[in-house]
Amino acid sequence: MRLTDYTDYTLRVLMFCALHPERSVTIAELADSHAVSKNHLMKIVNDLARQGLLQTTRGRGGGLRLLKPATDIRIGDVVRQTETDFRLVECFDKASDSCTLTPNCQLKQVIGNALQNFLSELDKVTLADVTRARTATTGSASINIKALKKTSV
């Protein structure tokens, strides 16, 4: 399975904002940081704002910030909102399924279970979880290193 670029950039926008909670982030800054067009990022930012994940402020001094704490944003939820098609094989869509093996095939069930397990794993992870490693190198290392030591003992 491969996530779309749209989902990839959506996660990057959220992660970048999570790494800079003390200030507003601009679309120009995101575009430069990730080498993505501003127009593409505008669409992503608008979708995230509609979903209630980003607060956007227009004009001079404007930008975007997380509307929810990073600990409340599950990666699985973001992926479900941004991926448009989880039809991994033809038989997932009854309308277009022309496979002659469908009546006797168990592959659909196996792949369906794998997809559910994939999403279940993503549901266990928050935006805060995927940005902690970076935070540890920017000054909050003592808190995060202590937490890591507790889990590895």
C-alpha atoms as a PDB file:
ATOM      1  CA  MET A   1       0.000   0.000   0.000  1.00  0.00           C
ATOM      2  CA  ARG A   2       1.176   3.471  -0.750  1.00  0.00           C
ATOM      3  CA  LEU A   3      -0.182   6.714   0.642  1.00  0.00           C
ATOM      4  CA  THR A   4      -0.827   9.547  -1.781  1.00  0.00           C
ATOM      5  CA  ASP A   5       1.401  12.603  -1.931  1.00  0.00           C
ATOM      6  CA  TYR A   6      -1.608  14.562  -0.669  1.00  0.00           C
ATOM      7  CA  THR A   7      -1.639  12.535   2.556  1.00  0.00           C
ATOM      8  CA  ASP A   8       2.137  12.783   2.844  1.00  0.00           C
ATOM      9  CA  TYR A   9       2.070  16.582   2.584  1.00  0.00           C
ATOM     10  CA  THR A  10      -0.929  16.807   4.900  1.00  0.00           C
ATOM     11  CA  LEU A  11       1.027  14.953   7.568  1.00  0.00           C
ATOM     12  CA  ARG A  12       4.060  17.173   6.940  1.00  0.00           C
ATOM     13  CA  VAL A  13       1.975  20.340   7.374  1.00  0.00           C
ATOM     14  CA  LEU A  14       0.591  19.060  10.660  1.00  0.00           C
ATOM     15  CA  MET A  15       3.999  17.928  11.874  1.00  0.00           C
ATOM     16  CA  PHE A  16       5.611  21.259  10.970  1.00  0.00           C
ATOM     17  CA  CYS A  17       2.911  23.114  12.904  1.00  0.00           C
ATOM     18  CA  ALA A  18       3.325  20.748  15.861  1.00  0.00           C
ATOM     19  CA  LEU A  19       7.055  21.447  15.903  1.00  0.00           C
ATOM     20  CA  HIS A  20       6.395  25.213  16.034  1.00  0.00           C
ATOM     21  CA  PRO A  21       3.517  25.636  18.512  1.00  0.00           C
ATOM     22  CA  GLU A  22       4.862  28.965  19.730  1.00  0.00           C
ATOM     23  CA  ARG A  23       4.157  30.790  16.466  1.00  0.00           C
ATOM     24  CA  SER A  24       2.109  30.889  13.308  1.00  0.00           C
ATOM     25  CA  VAL A  25       3.555  29.058  10.321  1.00  0.00           C
ATOM     26  CA  THR A  26       3.190  30.501   6.831  1.00  0.00           C
ATOM     27  CA  ILE A  27       2.354  28.693   3.633  1.00  0.00           C
ATOM     28  CA  ALA A  28       5.459  30.199   2.033  1.00  0.00           C
ATOM     29  CA  GLU A  29       7.570  28.723   4.823  1.00  0.00           C
ATOM     30  CA  LEU A  30       5.961  25.304   4.343  1.00  0.00           C
ATOM     31  CA  ALA A  31       6.403  25.493   0.570  1.00  0.00           C
ATOM     32  CA  ASP A  32      10.091  26.326   0.941  1.00  0.00           C
ATOM     33  CA  SER A  33      10.657  23.711   3.615  1.00  0.00           C
ATOM     34  CA  HIS A  34       9.072  20.857   1.652  1.00  0.00           C
ATOM     35  CA  ALA A  35       9.637  22.027  -1.941  1.00  0.00           C
ATOM     36  CA  VAL A  36       5.908  21.925  -2.674  1.00  0.00           C
ATOM     37  CA  SER A  37       3.888  24.516  -4.564  1.00  0.00           C
ATOM     38  CA  LYS A  38       2.005  27.081  -2.509  1.00  0.00           C
ATOM     39  CA  ASN A  39      -1.171  26.318  -4.473  1.00  0.00           C
ATOM     40  CA  HIS A  40      -1.010  22.647  -3.524  1.00  0.00           C
ATOM     41  CA  LEU A  41      -0.426  23.537   0.112  1.00  0.00           C
ATOM     42  CA  MET A  42      -3.331  26.011   0.081  1.00  0.00           C
ATOM     43  CA  LYS A  43      -5.697  23.172  -0.806  1.00  0.00           C
ATOM     44  CA  ILE A  44      -4.293  21.004   1.985  1.00  0.00           C
ATOM     45  CA  VAL A  45      -4.444  23.825   4.534  1.00  0.00           C
ATOM     46  CA  ASN A  46      -8.035  24.644   3.582  1.00  0.00           C
ATOM     47  CA  ASP A  47      -9.029  20.990   4.026  1.00  0.00           C
ATOM     48  CA  LEU A  48      -7.303  20.833   7.415  1.00  0.00           C
ATOM     49  CA  ALA A  49      -9.042  24.027   8.513  1.00  0.00           C
ATOM     50  CA  ARG A  50     -12.437  22.608   7.438  1.00  0.00           C
ATOM     51  CA  GLN A  51     -11.710  19.471   9.451  1.00  0.00           C
ATOM     52  CA  GLY A  52     -11.006  21.595  12.528  1.00  0.00           C
ATOM     53  CA  LEU A  53      -7.320  20.720  12.738  1.00  0.00           C
ATOM     54  CA  LEU A  54      -5.810  24.076  11.745  1.00  0.00           C
ATOM     55  CA  GLN A  55      -6.578  27.655  12.618  1.00  0.00           C
ATOM     56  CA  THR A  56      -5.779  30.001   9.752  1.00  0.00           C
ATOM     57  CA  THR A  57      -5.276  33.751   9.941  1.00  0.00           C
ATOM     58  CA  ARG A  58      -5.095  35.860   6.794  1.00  0.00           C
ATOM     59  CA  GLY A  59      -3.058  38.949   6.169  1.00  0.00           C
ATOM     60  CA  ARG A  60       0.137  40.378   7.506  1.00  0.00           C
ATOM     61  CA  GLY A  61       1.302  38.469  10.540  1.00  0.00           C
ATOM     62  CA  GLY A  62      -1.096  35.655   9.687  1.00  0.00           C
ATOM     63  CA  GLY A  63      -0.417  32.005   9.233  1.00  0.00           C
ATOM     64  CA  LEU A  64      -1.571  28.708  10.594  1.00  0.00           C
ATOM     65  CA  ARG A  65      -1.499  26.862  13.869  1.00  0.00           C
ATOM     66  CA  LEU A  66      -2.840  23.639  15.206  1.00  0.00           C
ATOM     67  CA  LEU A  67      -6.379  24.098  16.479  1.00  0.00           C
ATOM     68  CA  LYS A  68      -6.159  20.977  18.648  1.00  0.00           C
ATOM     69  CA  PRO A  69      -3.288  19.769  20.805  1.00  0.00           C
ATOM     70  CA  ALA A  70      -0.940  17.431  18.915  1.00  0.00           C
ATOM     71  CA  THR A  71      -1.769  14.749  21.490  1.00  0.00           C
ATOM     72  CA  ASP A  72      -5.406  14.802  20.304  1.00  0.00           C
ATOM     73  CA  ILE A  73      -4.694  14.299  16.591  1.00  0.00           C
ATOM     74  CA  ARG A  74      -4.497  10.621  15.641  1.00  0.00           C
ATOM     75  CA  ILE A  75      -2.537   9.778  12.513  1.00  0.00           C
ATOM     76  CA  GLY A  76      -5.108   7.139  11.545  1.00  0.00           C
ATOM     77  CA  ASP A  77      -7.868   9.753  11.496  1.00  0.00           C
ATOM     78  CA  VAL A  78      -5.795  12.057   9.297  1.00  0.00           C
ATOM     79  CA  VAL A  79      -5.032   9.257   6.844  1.00  0.00           C
ATOM     80  CA  ARG A  80      -8.710   8.273   6.644  1.00  0.00           C
ATOM     81  CA  GLN A  81      -9.673  11.891   5.910  1.00  0.00           C
ATOM     82  CA  THR A  82      -7.067  12.426   3.208  1.00  0.00           C
ATOM     83  CA  GLU A  83      -6.933   9.114   1.365  1.00  0.00           C
ATOM     84  CA  THR A  84      -9.691   8.990  -1.220  1.00  0.00           C
ATOM     85  CA  ASP A  85      -9.495   5.338  -2.174  1.00  0.00           C
ATOM     86  CA  PHE A  86      -8.740   2.334  -0.008  1.00  0.00           C
ATOM     87  CA  ARG A  87      -9.697   0.005  -2.847  1.00  0.00           C
ATOM     88  CA  LEU A  88      -6.449  -1.939  -2.830  1.00  0.00           C
ATOM     89  CA  VAL A  89      -7.621  -4.556  -5.304  1.00  0.00           C
ATOM     90  CA  GLU A  90     -10.354  -4.592  -7.936  1.00  0.00           C
ATOM     91  CA  CYS A  91     -12.710  -6.818  -5.950  1.00  0.00           C
ATOM     92  CA  PHE A  92     -13.042  -4.207  -3.169  1.00  0.00           C
ATOM     93  CA  ASP A  93     -15.469  -2.379  -5.494  1.00  0.00           C
ATOM     94  CA  LYS A  94     -18.462  -4.531  -6.446  1.00  0.00           C
ATOM     95  CA  ALA A  95     -19.395  -2.131  -9.244  1.00  0.00           C
ATOM     96  CA  SER A  96     -16.127  -2.649 -11.123  1.00  0.00           C
ATOM     97  CA  ASP A  97     -15.174  -6.158  -9.995  1.00  0.00           C
ATOM     98  CA  SER A  98     -14.725  -8.314 -13.076  1.00  0.00           C
ATOM     99  CA  CYS A  99     -12.391 -10.878 -11.554  1.00  0.00           C
ATOM    100  CA  THR A 100     -13.553 -14.404 -12.288  1.00  0.00           C
ATOM    101  CA  LEU A 101     -11.939 -15.686  -9.081  1.00  0.00           C
ATOM    102  CA  THR A 102     -14.005 -13.496  -6.745  1.00  0.00           C
ATOM    103  CA  PRO A 103     -16.581 -16.168  -5.747  1.00  0.00           C
ATOM    104  CA  ASN A 104     -13.839 -18.500  -4.471  1.00  0.00           C
ATOM    105  CA  CYS A 105     -11.106 -16.050  -3.514  1.00  0.00           C
ATOM    106  CA  GLN A 106     -10.070 -15.283   0.060  1.00  0.00           C
ATOM    107  CA  LEU A 107      -7.474 -12.689  -0.936  1.00  0.00           C
ATOM    108  CA  LYS A 108      -9.982  -9.859  -0.534  1.00  0.00           C
ATOM    109  CA  GLN A 109     -10.506 -10.818   3.117  1.00  0.00           C
ATOM    110  CA  VAL A 110      -6.773 -11.110   3.775  1.00  0.00           C
ATOM    111  CA  ILE A 111      -6.033  -7.728   2.215  1.00  0.00           C
ATOM    112  CA  GLY A 112      -9.043  -6.185   3.970  1.00  0.00           C
ATOM    113  CA  ASN A 113      -7.750  -7.452   7.317  1.00  0.00           C
ATOM    114  CA  ALA A 114      -4.288  -6.107   6.545  1.00  0.00           C
ATOM    115  CA  LEU A 115      -5.776  -2.688   5.739  1.00  0.00           C
ATOM    116  CA  GLN A 116      -7.723  -2.664   9.014  1.00  0.00           C
ATOM    117  CA  ASN A 117      -4.569  -3.635  10.932  1.00  0.00           C
ATOM    118  CA  PHE A 118      -2.629  -0.881   9.150  1.00  0.00           C
ATOM    119  CA  LEU A 119      -5.219   1.734  10.128  1.00  0.00           C
ATOM    120  CA  SER A 120      -5.447   0.310  13.643  1.00  0.00           C
ATOM    121  CA  GLU A 121      -1.701   0.800  14.089  1.00  0.00           C
ATOM    122  CA  LEU A 122      -1.966   4.389  12.833  1.00  0.00           C
ATOM    123  CA  ASP A 123      -4.786   4.997  15.316  1.00  0.00           C
ATOM    124  CA  LYS A 124      -2.359   4.231  18.145  1.00  0.00           C
ATOM    125  CA  VAL A 125      -0.097   7.116  17.129  1.00  0.00           C
ATOM    126  CA  THR A 126      -0.718  10.818  17.644  1.00  0.00           C
ATOM    127  CA  LEU A 127       0.835  13.832  15.999  1.00  0.00           C
ATOM    128  CA  ALA A 128       2.735  14.409  19.233  1.00  0.00           C
ATOM    129  CA  ASP A 129       4.213  10.905  19.010  1.00  0.00           C
ATOM    130  CA  VAL A 130       5.629  11.439  15.527  1.00  0.00           C
ATOM    131  CA  THR A 131       7.185  14.794  16.406  1.00  0.00           C
ATOM    132  CA  ARG A 132       8.808  13.873  19.713  1.00  0.00           C
ATOM    133  CA  ALA A 133      12.155  12.765  18.237  1.00  0.00           C
ATOM    134  CA  ARG A 134      12.607  16.189  16.655  1.00  0.00           C
ATOM    135  CA  THR A 135      11.578  17.926  19.886  1.00  0.00           C
ATOM    136  CA  ALA A 136      14.269  16.012  21.779  1.00  0.00           C
ATOM    137  CA  THR A 137      16.943  17.629  19.597  1.00  0.00           C
ATOM    138  CA  THR A 138      15.582  21.170  19.962  1.00  0.00           C
ATOM    139  CA  GLY A 139      15.898  21.732  23.670  1.00  0.00           C
ATOM    140  CA  SER A 140      13.321  19.575  25.457  1.00  0.00           C
ATOM    141  CA  ALA A 141      15.605  16.572  25.474  1.00  0.00           C
ATOM    142  CA  SER A 142      15.562  15.948  29.230  1.00  0.00           C
ATOM    143  CA  ILE A 143      11.799  15.373  29.326  1.00  0.00           C
ATOM    144  CA  ASN A 144      11.742  13.115  26.293  1.00  0.00           C
ATOM    145  CA  ILE A 145      14.865  11.167  27.189  1.00  0.00           C
ATOM    146  CA  LYS A 146      13.444  10.427  30.653  1.00  0.00           C
ATOM    147  CA  ALA A 147      10.251   9.183  29.041  1.00  0.00           C
ATOM    148  CA  LEU A 148      12.261   6.987  26.678  1.00  0.00           C
ATOM    149  CA  LYS A 149      14.302   5.533  29.555  1.00  0.00           C
ATOM    150  CA  LYS A 150      11.125   4.607  31.426  1.00  0.00           C
ATOM    151  CA  THR A 151       9.749   2.703  28.461  1.00  0.00           C
ATOM    152  CA  SER A 152      12.986   0.883  27.654  1.00  0.00           C
ATOM    153  CA  VAL A 153      13.646  -0.419  31.199  1.00  0.00           C
END
